[in-house]
Amino acid sequence: MLRSSLVRLTLASTRLSRNFAAKKLDGRRCISSSAALQGTKYYYRAIATEHPRGRVIAGDLLVAFMWYWILYHLWYEPEHLFGEFEYPDTSKWTNEELGIPADDE
């Protein structure tokens, strides 16, 4: 039983490797995990350098708006990051708390 399974597995892998080699020699796409898109190039292990101009501008605008949003809210609403607290009323502090010596010394 085990031997026949191994024989079938070996035959199947041999057929697959032959088919793969034949496709590779044809010059067609051999990768089945992604579909070829119409009007675009396929990049394998390389960085896609050709981008439509509209997408580049849209990406730049999106990133600029994101940084505007972050920096604006950090500057004008820092309590979101640092928390809110009551400011002390300095007019109620005593001279001793402020470290001022008494007048009669």
PDB file of N, CA and C in Angstrom:
ATOM      1  N   MET A   1       0.819  -1.201   0.000  1.00  0.00           N
ATOM      2  CA  MET A   1       0.000   0.000   0.000  1.00  0.00           C
ATOM      3  C   MET A   1       0.863   1.265   0.000  1.00  0.00           C
ATOM      4  N   LEU A   2       1.825   1.296   0.906  1.00  0.00           N
ATOM      5  CA  LEU A   2       2.697   2.452   1.011  1.00  0.00           C
ATOM      6  C   LEU A   2       3.562   2.588  -0.245  1.00  0.00           C
ATOM      7  N   ARG A   3       4.013   1.458  -0.757  1.00  0.00           N
ATOM      8  CA  ARG A   3       4.858   1.489  -1.942  1.00  0.00           C
ATOM      9  C   ARG A   3       4.103   2.030  -3.148  1.00  0.00           C
ATOM     10  N   SER A   4       2.837   1.620  -3.314  1.00  0.00           N
ATOM     11  CA  SER A   4       2.063   2.111  -4.453  1.00  0.00           C
ATOM     12  C   SER A   4       1.778   3.610  -4.318  1.00  0.00           C
ATOM     13  N   SER A   5       1.609   4.080  -3.105  1.00  0.00           N
ATOM     14  CA  SER A   5       1.398   5.516  -2.896  1.00  0.00           C
ATOM     15  C   SER A   5       2.639   6.307  -3.263  1.00  0.00           C
ATOM     16  N   LEU A   6       3.798   5.785  -2.882  1.00  0.00           N
ATOM     17  CA  LEU A   6       5.043   6.464  -3.222  1.00  0.00           C
ATOM     18  C   LEU A   6       5.280   6.477  -4.726  1.00  0.00           C
ATOM     19  N   VAL A   7       4.941   5.386  -5.403  1.00  0.00           N
ATOM     20  CA  VAL A   7       5.108   5.322  -6.860  1.00  0.00           C
ATOM     21  C   VAL A   7       4.204   6.349  -7.528  1.00  0.00           C
ATOM     22  N   ARG A   8       2.940   6.429  -7.064  1.00  0.00           N
ATOM     23  CA  ARG A   8       2.013   7.405  -7.646  1.00  0.00           C
ATOM     24  C   ARG A   8       2.485   8.841  -7.395  1.00  0.00           C
ATOM     25  N   LEU A   9       2.996   9.085  -6.192  1.00  0.00           N
ATOM     26  CA  LEU A   9       3.495  10.418  -5.868  1.00  0.00           C
ATOM     27  C   LEU A   9       4.697  10.781  -6.735  1.00  0.00           C
ATOM     28  N   THR A  10       5.583   9.846  -6.951  1.00  0.00           N
ATOM     29  CA  THR A  10       6.753  10.082  -7.796  1.00  0.00           C
ATOM     30  C   THR A  10       6.342  10.363  -9.238  1.00  0.00           C
ATOM     31  N   LEU A  11       5.407   9.594  -9.760  1.00  0.00           N
ATOM     32  CA  LEU A  11       4.943   9.816 -11.133  1.00  0.00           C
ATOM     33  C   LEU A  11       4.271  11.178 -11.275  1.00  0.00           C
ATOM     34  N   ALA A  12       3.489  11.547 -10.284  1.00  0.00           N
ATOM     35  CA  ALA A  12       2.803  12.840 -10.351  1.00  0.00           C
ATOM     36  C   ALA A  12       3.797  13.990 -10.306  1.00  0.00           C
ATOM     37  N   SER A  13       4.802  13.874  -9.451  1.00  0.00           N
ATOM     38  CA  SER A  13       5.793  14.950  -9.376  1.00  0.00           C
ATOM     39  C   SER A  13       6.616  15.031 -10.654  1.00  0.00           C
ATOM     40  N   THR A  14       6.885  13.904 -11.283  1.00  0.00           N
ATOM     41  CA  THR A  14       7.612  13.903 -12.554  1.00  0.00           C
ATOM     42  C   THR A  14       6.805  14.594 -13.636  1.00  0.00           C
ATOM     43  N   ARG A  15       5.502  14.291 -13.689  1.00  0.00           N
ATOM     44  CA  ARG A  15       4.637  14.956 -14.679  1.00  0.00           C
ATOM     45  C   ARG A  15       4.572  16.462 -14.454  1.00  0.00           C
ATOM     46  N   LEU A  16       4.464  16.853 -13.180  1.00  0.00           N
ATOM     47  CA  LEU A  16       4.399  18.285 -12.880  1.00  0.00           C
ATOM     48  C   LEU A  16       5.687  19.002 -13.255  1.00  0.00           C
ATOM     49  N   SER A  17       6.821  18.373 -12.967  1.00  0.00           N
ATOM     50  CA  SER A  17       8.093  19.023 -13.302  1.00  0.00           C
ATOM     51  C   SER A  17       8.271  19.133 -14.814  1.00  0.00           C
ATOM     52  N   ARG A  18       7.809  18.144 -15.557  1.00  0.00           N
ATOM     53  CA  ARG A  18       7.885  18.227 -17.025  1.00  0.00           C
ATOM     54  C   ARG A  18       7.001  19.348 -17.545  1.00  0.00           C
ATOM     55  N   ASN A  19       5.793  19.442 -17.010  1.00  0.00           N
ATOM     56  CA  ASN A  19       4.889  20.507 -17.444  1.00  0.00           C
ATOM     57  C   ASN A  19       5.458  21.877 -17.098  1.00  0.00           C
ATOM     58  N   PHE A  20       6.050  21.992 -15.928  1.00  0.00           N
ATOM     59  CA  PHE A  20       6.620  23.266 -15.518  1.00  0.00           C
ATOM     60  C   PHE A  20       7.782  23.654 -16.422  1.00  0.00           C
ATOM     61  N   ALA A  21       8.636  22.683 -16.736  1.00  0.00           N
ATOM     62  CA  ALA A  21       9.779  22.950 -17.605  1.00  0.00           C
ATOM     63  C   ALA A  21       9.302  23.343 -19.003  1.00  0.00           C
ATOM     64  N   ALA A  22       8.251  22.697 -19.496  1.00  0.00           N
ATOM     65  CA  ALA A  22       7.731  23.028 -20.824  1.00  0.00           C
ATOM     66  C   ALA A  22       7.180  24.438 -20.843  1.00  0.00           C
ATOM     67  N   LYS A  23       6.472  24.826 -19.801  1.00  0.00           N
ATOM     68  CA  LYS A  23       5.933  26.190 -19.738  1.00  0.00           C
ATOM     69  C   LYS A  23       7.046  27.213 -19.635  1.00  0.00           C
ATOM     70  N   LYS A  24       8.083  26.874 -18.896  1.00  0.00           N
ATOM     71  CA  LYS A  24       9.190  27.797 -18.730  1.00  0.00           C
ATOM     72  C   LYS A  24       9.892  28.051 -20.059  1.00  0.00           C
ATOM     73  N   LEU A  25      10.027  27.013 -20.876  1.00  0.00           N
ATOM     74  CA  LEU A  25      10.687  27.165 -22.156  1.00  0.00           C
ATOM     75  C   LEU A  25       9.810  27.912 -23.164  1.00  0.00           C
ATOM     76  N   ASP A  26       8.503  27.857 -22.970  1.00  0.00           N
ATOM     77  CA  ASP A  26       7.591  28.568 -23.857  1.00  0.00           C
ATOM     78  C   ASP A  26       7.752  30.082 -23.748  1.00  0.00           C
ATOM     79  N   GLY A  27       8.211  30.568 -22.611  1.00  0.00           N
ATOM     80  CA  GLY A  27       8.317  32.001 -22.404  1.00  0.00           C
ATOM     81  C   GLY A  27       7.045  32.589 -21.828  1.00  0.00           C
ATOM     82  N   ARG A  28       6.077  31.759 -21.518  1.00  0.00           N
ATOM     83  CA  ARG A  28       4.847  32.251 -20.906  1.00  0.00           C
ATOM     84  C   ARG A  28       5.038  32.370 -19.408  1.00  0.00           C
ATOM     85  N   ARG A  29       4.065  32.949 -18.767  1.00  0.00           N
ATOM     86  CA  ARG A  29       4.112  33.083 -17.317  1.00  0.00           C
ATOM     87  C   ARG A  29       4.003  31.717 -16.671  1.00  0.00           C
ATOM     88  N   CYS A  30       4.883  31.440 -15.711  1.00  0.00           N
ATOM     89  CA  CYS A  30       4.875  30.159 -15.021  1.00  0.00           C
ATOM     90  C   CYS A  30       4.314  30.279 -13.612  1.00  0.00           C
ATOM     91  N   ILE A  31       4.072  31.476 -13.148  1.00  0.00           N
ATOM     92  CA  ILE A  31       3.602  31.672 -11.780  1.00  0.00           C
ATOM     93  C   ILE A  31       2.081  31.749 -11.807  1.00  0.00           C
ATOM     94  N   SER A  32       1.458  30.853 -11.065  1.00  0.00           N
ATOM     95  CA  SER A  32       0.002  30.809 -11.099  1.00  0.00           C
ATOM     96  C   SER A  32      -0.635  31.517  -9.917  1.00  0.00           C
ATOM     97  N   SER A  33       0.167  32.097  -9.028  1.00  0.00           N
ATOM     98  CA  SER A  33      -0.399  32.739  -7.839  1.00  0.00           C
ATOM     99  C   SER A  33      -0.925  34.134  -8.123  1.00  0.00           C
ATOM    100  N   SER A  34      -0.592  34.692  -9.270  1.00  0.00           N
ATOM    101  CA  SER A  34      -1.099  36.016  -9.603  1.00  0.00           C
ATOM    102  C   SER A  34      -1.521  36.051 -11.064  1.00  0.00           C
ATOM    103  N   ALA A  35      -2.544  36.818 -11.331  1.00  0.00           N
ATOM    104  CA  ALA A  35      -3.053  36.928 -12.700  1.00  0.00           C
ATOM    105  C   ALA A  35      -2.388  38.106 -13.398  1.00  0.00           C
ATOM    106  N   ALA A  36      -2.173  37.949 -14.693  1.00  0.00           N
ATOM    107  CA  ALA A  36      -1.595  39.042 -15.462  1.00  0.00           C
ATOM    108  C   ALA A  36      -2.646  40.139 -15.639  1.00  0.00           C
ATOM    109  N   LEU A  37      -2.248  41.367 -15.400  1.00  0.00           N
ATOM    110  CA  LEU A  37      -3.172  42.484 -15.556  1.00  0.00           C
ATOM    111  C   LEU A  37      -3.024  43.064 -16.947  1.00  0.00           C
ATOM    112  N   GLN A  38      -4.118  43.484 -17.500  1.00  0.00           N
ATOM    113  CA  GLN A  38      -4.060  44.031 -18.847  1.00  0.00           C
ATOM    114  C   GLN A  38      -3.476  45.434 -18.805  1.00  0.00           C
ATOM    115  N   GLY A  39      -2.541  45.694 -19.668  1.00  0.00           N
ATOM    116  CA  GLY A  39      -1.975  47.021 -19.782  1.00  0.00           C
ATOM    117  C   GLY A  39      -0.876  47.320 -18.779  1.00  0.00           C
ATOM    118  N   THR A  40      -0.526  46.377 -17.933  1.00  0.00           N
ATOM    119  CA  THR A  40       0.561  46.598 -16.980  1.00  0.00           C
ATOM    120  C   THR A  40       1.617  45.523 -17.161  1.00  0.00           C
ATOM    121  N   LYS A  41       2.799  45.819 -16.681  1.00  0.00           N
ATOM    122  CA  LYS A  41       3.889  44.857 -16.774  1.00  0.00           C
ATOM    123  C   LYS A  41       3.908  43.997 -15.526  1.00  0.00           C
ATOM    124  N   TYR A  42       4.511  42.829 -15.657  1.00  0.00           N
ATOM    125  CA  TYR A  42       4.632  41.913 -14.535  1.00  0.00           C
ATOM    126  C   TYR A  42       6.058  42.003 -13.998  1.00  0.00           C
ATOM    127  N   TYR A  43       6.205  42.205 -12.690  1.00  0.00           N
ATOM    128  CA  TYR A  43       7.522  42.308 -12.074  1.00  0.00           C
ATOM    129  C   TYR A  43       7.710  41.135 -11.122  1.00  0.00           C
ATOM    130  N   TYR A  44       8.806  40.421 -11.294  1.00  0.00           N
ATOM    131  CA  TYR A  44       9.126  39.317 -10.402  1.00  0.00           C
ATOM    132  C   TYR A  44      10.466  39.616  -9.745  1.00  0.00           C
ATOM    133  N   ARG A  45      10.456  39.742  -8.433  1.00  0.00           N
ATOM    134  CA  ARG A  45      11.635  40.069  -7.644  1.00  0.00           C
ATOM    135  C   ARG A  45      12.285  41.367  -8.090  1.00  0.00           C
ATOM    136  N   ALA A  46      11.495  42.321  -8.416  1.00  0.00           N
ATOM    137  CA  ALA A  46      11.998  43.637  -8.789  1.00  0.00           C
ATOM    138  C   ALA A  46      10.983  44.677  -8.334  1.00  0.00           C
ATOM    139  N   ILE A  47      11.434  45.886  -8.204  1.00  0.00           N
ATOM    140  CA  ILE A  47      10.550  46.963  -7.785  1.00  0.00           C
ATOM    141  C   ILE A  47       9.857  47.539  -9.016  1.00  0.00           C
ATOM    142  N   ALA A  48       8.565  47.692  -8.908  1.00  0.00           N
ATOM    143  CA  ALA A  48       7.810  48.284 -10.014  1.00  0.00           C
ATOM    144  C   ALA A  48       8.112  49.774 -10.043  1.00  0.00           C
ATOM    145  N   THR A  49       8.716  50.242 -11.105  1.00  0.00           N
ATOM    146  CA  THR A  49       9.132  51.641 -11.162  1.00  0.00           C
ATOM    147  C   THR A  49       8.181  52.509 -11.982  1.00  0.00           C
ATOM    148  N   GLU A  50       7.329  51.903 -12.759  1.00  0.00           N
ATOM    149  CA  GLU A  50       6.433  52.690 -13.600  1.00  0.00           C
ATOM    150  C   GLU A  50       5.068  52.790 -12.917  1.00  0.00           C
ATOM    151  N   HIS A  51       4.738  53.985 -12.478  1.00  0.00           N
ATOM    152  CA  HIS A  51       3.447  54.228 -11.839  1.00  0.00           C
ATOM    153  C   HIS A  51       2.714  55.313 -12.618  1.00  0.00           C
ATOM    154  N   PRO A  52       1.403  55.203 -12.732  1.00  0.00           N
ATOM    155  CA  PRO A  52       0.651  56.267 -13.394  1.00  0.00           C
ATOM    156  C   PRO A  52       0.791  57.586 -12.626  1.00  0.00           C
ATOM    157  N   ARG A  53       0.914  58.665 -13.340  1.00  0.00           N
ATOM    158  CA  ARG A  53       1.154  59.982 -12.731  1.00  0.00           C
ATOM    159  C   ARG A  53       0.034  60.371 -11.771  1.00  0.00           C
ATOM    160  N   GLY A  54      -1.196  60.036 -12.106  1.00  0.00           N
ATOM    161  CA  GLY A  54      -2.322  60.379 -11.239  1.00  0.00           C
ATOM    162  C   GLY A  54      -2.244  59.685  -9.887  1.00  0.00           C
ATOM    163  N   ARG A  55      -1.799  58.431  -9.884  1.00  0.00           N
ATOM    164  CA  ARG A  55      -1.676  57.705  -8.615  1.00  0.00           C
ATOM    165  C   ARG A  55      -0.551  58.268  -7.762  1.00  0.00           C
ATOM    166  N   VAL A  56       0.536  58.692  -8.398  1.00  0.00           N
ATOM    167  CA  VAL A  56       1.646  59.291  -7.653  1.00  0.00           C
ATOM    168  C   VAL A  56       1.189  60.586  -6.986  1.00  0.00           C
ATOM    169  N   ILE A  57       0.473  61.419  -7.728  1.00  0.00           N
ATOM    170  CA  ILE A  57      -0.012  62.691  -7.171  1.00  0.00           C
ATOM    171  C   ILE A  57      -1.028  62.429  -6.074  1.00  0.00           C
ATOM    172  N   ALA A  58      -1.941  61.474  -6.282  1.00  0.00           N
ATOM    173  CA  ALA A  58      -2.931  61.150  -5.257  1.00  0.00           C
ATOM    174  C   ALA A  58      -2.255  60.617  -3.993  1.00  0.00           C
ATOM    175  N   GLY A  59      -1.235  59.797  -4.143  1.00  0.00           N
ATOM    176  CA  GLY A  59      -0.501  59.287  -2.984  1.00  0.00           C
ATOM    177  C   GLY A  59       0.208  60.388  -2.227  1.00  0.00           C
ATOM    178  N   ASP A  60       0.843  61.307  -2.968  1.00  0.00           N
ATOM    179  CA  ASP A  60       1.519  62.428  -2.319  1.00  0.00           C
ATOM    180  C   ASP A  60       0.531  63.321  -1.571  1.00  0.00           C
ATOM    181  N   LEU A  61      -0.623  63.570  -2.165  1.00  0.00           N
ATOM    182  CA  LEU A  61      -1.631  64.393  -1.489  1.00  0.00           C
ATOM    183  C   LEU A  61      -2.164  63.702  -0.231  1.00  0.00           C
ATOM    184  N   LEU A  62      -2.351  62.411  -0.310  1.00  0.00           N
ATOM    185  CA  LEU A  62      -2.836  61.663   0.852  1.00  0.00           C
ATOM    186  C   LEU A  62      -1.820  61.699   1.989  1.00  0.00           C
ATOM    187  N   VAL A  63      -0.556  61.522   1.683  1.00  0.00           N
ATOM    188  CA  VAL A  63       0.484  61.566   2.710  1.00  0.00           C
ATOM    189  C   VAL A  63       0.612  62.977   3.278  1.00  0.00           C
ATOM    190  N   ALA A  64       0.534  63.994   2.432  1.00  0.00           N
ATOM    191  CA  ALA A  64       0.611  65.378   2.912  1.00  0.00           C
ATOM    192  C   ALA A  64      -0.547  65.692   3.846  1.00  0.00           C
ATOM    193  N   PHE A  65      -1.745  65.255   3.504  1.00  0.00           N
ATOM    194  CA  PHE A  65      -2.898  65.494   4.372  1.00  0.00           C
ATOM    195  C   PHE A  65      -2.744  64.750   5.698  1.00  0.00           C
ATOM    196  N   MET A  66      -2.208  63.547   5.648  1.00  0.00           N
ATOM    197  CA  MET A  66      -2.009  62.784   6.882  1.00  0.00           C
ATOM    198  C   MET A  66      -1.056  63.514   7.825  1.00  0.00           C
ATOM    199  N   TRP A  67       0.078  64.015   7.310  1.00  0.00           N
ATOM    200  CA  TRP A  67       1.036  64.725   8.160  1.00  0.00           C
ATOM    201  C   TRP A  67       0.460  66.054   8.638  1.00  0.00           C
ATOM    202  N   TYR A  68      -0.306  66.732   7.799  1.00  0.00           N
ATOM    203  CA  TYR A  68      -0.968  67.963   8.240  1.00  0.00           C
ATOM    204  C   TYR A  68      -1.873  67.668   9.430  1.00  0.00           C
ATOM    205  N   TRP A  69      -2.661  66.607   9.298  1.00  0.00           N
ATOM    206  CA  TRP A  69      -3.609  66.234  10.354  1.00  0.00           C
ATOM    207  C   TRP A  69      -2.872  65.928  11.661  1.00  0.00           C
ATOM    208  N   ILE A  70      -1.810  65.159  11.594  1.00  0.00           N
ATOM    209  CA  ILE A  70      -1.051  64.782  12.789  1.00  0.00           C
ATOM    210  C   ILE A  70      -0.398  66.000  13.428  1.00  0.00           C
ATOM    211  N   LEU A  71       0.320  66.790  12.642  1.00  0.00           N
ATOM    212  CA  LEU A  71       1.042  67.936  13.209  1.00  0.00           C
ATOM    213  C   LEU A  71       0.097  69.018  13.708  1.00  0.00           C
ATOM    214  N   TYR A  72      -1.002  69.254  13.013  1.00  0.00           N
ATOM    215  CA  TYR A  72      -1.983  70.246  13.468  1.00  0.00           C
ATOM    216  C   TYR A  72      -2.538  69.858  14.839  1.00  0.00           C
ATOM    217  N   HIS A  73      -2.929  68.595  14.981  1.00  0.00           N
ATOM    218  CA  HIS A  73      -3.526  68.180  16.245  1.00  0.00           C
ATOM    219  C   HIS A  73      -2.501  68.059  17.363  1.00  0.00           C
ATOM    220  N   LEU A  74      -1.256  67.775  17.047  1.00  0.00           N
ATOM    221  CA  LEU A  74      -0.227  67.788  18.084  1.00  0.00           C
ATOM    222  C   LEU A  74       0.037  69.204  18.575  1.00  0.00           C
ATOM    223  N   TRP A  75      -0.021  70.186  17.687  1.00  0.00           N
ATOM    224  CA  TRP A  75       0.268  71.563  18.075  1.00  0.00           C
ATOM    225  C   TRP A  75      -0.908  72.206  18.810  1.00  0.00           C
ATOM    226  N   TYR A  76      -2.120  72.050  18.297  1.00  0.00           N
ATOM    227  CA  TYR A  76      -3.267  72.745  18.862  1.00  0.00           C
ATOM    228  C   TYR A  76      -4.047  71.938  19.895  1.00  0.00           C
ATOM    229  N   GLU A  77      -3.872  70.635  19.938  1.00  0.00           N
ATOM    230  CA  GLU A  77      -4.584  69.816  20.916  1.00  0.00           C
ATOM    231  C   GLU A  77      -3.634  68.785  21.528  1.00  0.00           C
ATOM    232  N   PRO A  78      -2.589  69.241  22.234  1.00  0.00           N
ATOM    233  CA  PRO A  78      -1.613  68.290  22.781  1.00  0.00           C
ATOM    234  C   PRO A  78      -2.166  67.445  23.922  1.00  0.00           C
ATOM    235  N   GLU A  79      -3.302  67.850  24.492  1.00  0.00           N
ATOM    236  CA  GLU A  79      -3.863  67.065  25.599  1.00  0.00           C
ATOM    237  C   GLU A  79      -4.293  65.667  25.154  1.00  0.00           C
ATOM    238  N   HIS A  80      -4.478  65.475  23.869  1.00  0.00           N
ATOM    239  CA  HIS A  80      -4.781  64.133  23.391  1.00  0.00           C
ATOM    240  C   HIS A  80      -3.597  63.197  23.633  1.00  0.00           C
ATOM    241  N   LEU A  81      -2.392  63.750  23.557  1.00  0.00           N
ATOM    242  CA  LEU A  81      -1.194  62.959  23.740  1.00  0.00           C
ATOM    243  C   LEU A  81      -0.706  62.987  25.184  1.00  0.00           C
ATOM    244  N   PHE A  82      -0.719  64.170  25.813  1.00  0.00           N
ATOM    245  CA  PHE A  82      -0.147  64.334  27.145  1.00  0.00           C
ATOM    246  C   PHE A  82      -1.169  64.255  28.265  1.00  0.00           C
ATOM    247  N   GLY A  83      -2.428  64.250  27.952  1.00  0.00           N
ATOM    248  CA  GLY A  83      -3.470  64.199  28.971  1.00  0.00           C
ATOM    249  C   GLY A  83      -3.902  65.596  29.404  1.00  0.00           C
ATOM    250  N   GLU A  84      -5.042  65.681  30.060  1.00  0.00           N
ATOM    251  CA  GLU A  84      -5.560  66.964  30.534  1.00  0.00           C
ATOM    252  C   GLU A  84      -5.327  67.062  32.030  1.00  0.00           C
ATOM    253  N   PHE A  85      -4.954  68.250  32.492  1.00  0.00           N
ATOM    254  CA  PHE A  85      -4.780  68.463  33.924  1.00  0.00           C
ATOM    255  C   PHE A  85      -5.157  69.903  34.253  1.00  0.00           C
ATOM    256  N   GLU A  86      -5.490  70.113  35.504  1.00  0.00           N
ATOM    257  CA  GLU A  86      -5.859  71.455  35.976  1.00  0.00           C
ATOM    258  C   GLU A  86      -4.593  72.273  36.190  1.00  0.00           C
ATOM    259  N   TYR A  87      -4.574  73.491  35.668  1.00  0.00           N
ATOM    260  CA  TYR A  87      -3.457  74.372  35.926  1.00  0.00           C
ATOM    261  C   TYR A  87      -3.607  74.951  37.331  1.00  0.00           C
ATOM    262  N   PRO A  88      -2.530  74.965  38.124  1.00  0.00           N
ATOM    263  CA  PRO A  88      -2.644  75.496  39.484  1.00  0.00           C
ATOM    264  C   PRO A  88      -2.793  77.014  39.467  1.00  0.00           C
ATOM    265  N   ASP A  89      -3.519  77.521  40.444  1.00  0.00           N
ATOM    266  CA  ASP A  89      -3.694  78.969  40.590  1.00  0.00           C
ATOM    267  C   ASP A  89      -2.510  79.494  41.386  1.00  0.00           C
ATOM    268  N   THR A  90      -1.593  80.172  40.740  1.00  0.00           N
ATOM    269  CA  THR A  90      -0.358  80.616  41.392  1.00  0.00           C
ATOM    270  C   THR A  90      -0.591  81.731  42.402  1.00  0.00           C
ATOM    271  N   SER A  91      -1.725  82.414  42.306  1.00  0.00           N
ATOM    272  CA  SER A  91      -1.988  83.499  43.271  1.00  0.00           C
ATOM    273  C   SER A  91      -2.291  82.948  44.659  1.00  0.00           C
ATOM    274  N   LYS A  92      -2.626  81.691  44.776  1.00  0.00           N
ATOM    275  CA  LYS A  92      -2.944  81.091  46.077  1.00  0.00           C
ATOM    276  C   LYS A  92      -1.735  80.451  46.752  1.00  0.00           C
ATOM    277  N   TRP A  93      -0.575  80.460  46.113  1.00  0.00           N
ATOM    278  CA  TRP A  93       0.619  79.860  46.700  1.00  0.00           C
ATOM    279  C   TRP A  93       1.188  80.781  47.778  1.00  0.00           C
ATOM    280  N   THR A  94       1.718  80.190  48.804  1.00  0.00           N
ATOM    281  CA  THR A  94       2.319  80.987  49.883  1.00  0.00           C
ATOM    282  C   THR A  94       3.786  81.237  49.566  1.00  0.00           C
ATOM    283  N   ASN A  95       4.389  82.190  50.304  1.00  0.00           N
ATOM    284  CA  ASN A  95       5.808  82.481  50.103  1.00  0.00           C
ATOM    285  C   ASN A  95       6.665  81.271  50.446  1.00  0.00           C
ATOM    286  N   GLU A  96       6.252  80.508  51.439  1.00  0.00           N
ATOM    287  CA  GLU A  96       7.011  79.327  51.838  1.00  0.00           C
ATOM    288  C   GLU A  96       7.022  78.281  50.718  1.00  0.00           C
ATOM    289  N   GLU A  97       5.882  78.101  50.060  1.00  0.00           N
ATOM    290  CA  GLU A  97       5.801  77.151  48.948  1.00  0.00           C
ATOM    291  C   GLU A  97       6.656  77.609  47.762  1.00  0.00           C
ATOM    292  N   LEU A  98       6.762  78.924  47.602  1.00  0.00           N
ATOM    293  CA  LEU A  98       7.553  79.469  46.503  1.00  0.00           C
ATOM    294  C   LEU A  98       9.032  79.572  46.834  1.00  0.00           C
ATOM    295  N   GLY A  99       9.408  79.368  48.108  1.00  0.00           N
ATOM    296  CA  GLY A  99      10.810  79.436  48.514  1.00  0.00           C
ATOM    297  C   GLY A  99      11.281  80.844  48.793  1.00  0.00           C
ATOM    298  N   ILE A 100      10.355  81.763  49.082  1.00  0.00           N
ATOM    299  CA  ILE A 100      10.713  83.164  49.365  1.00  0.00           C
ATOM    300  C   ILE A 100      10.891  83.292  50.882  1.00  0.00           C
ATOM    301  N   PRO A 101      12.033  83.832  51.338  1.00  0.00           N
ATOM    302  CA  PRO A 101      12.228  83.982  52.780  1.00  0.00           C
ATOM    303  C   PRO A 101      11.299  85.033  53.375  1.00  0.00           C
ATOM    304  N   ALA A 102      11.062  84.892  54.656  1.00  0.00           N
ATOM    305  CA  ALA A 102      10.186  85.860  55.353  1.00  0.00           C
ATOM    306  C   ALA A 102      10.838  87.230  55.378  1.00  0.00           C
ATOM    307  N   ASP A 103      10.006  88.303  55.539  1.00  0.00           N
ATOM    308  CA  ASP A 103      10.505  89.685  55.516  1.00  0.00           C
ATOM    309  C   ASP A 103      11.347  90.025  56.748  1.00  0.00           C
ATOM    310  N   ASP A 104      11.057  89.429  57.890  1.00  0.00           N
ATOM    311  CA  ASP A 104      11.755  89.798  59.121  1.00  0.00           C
ATOM    312  C   ASP A 104      13.093  89.085  59.277  1.00  0.00           C
ATOM    313  N   GLU A 105      13.499  88.249  58.387  1.00  0.00           N
ATOM    314  CA  GLU A 105      14.795  87.575  58.506  1.00  0.00           C
ATOM    315  C   GLU A 105      15.911  88.377  57.928  1.00  0.00           C
TER     316      GLU A 105
END
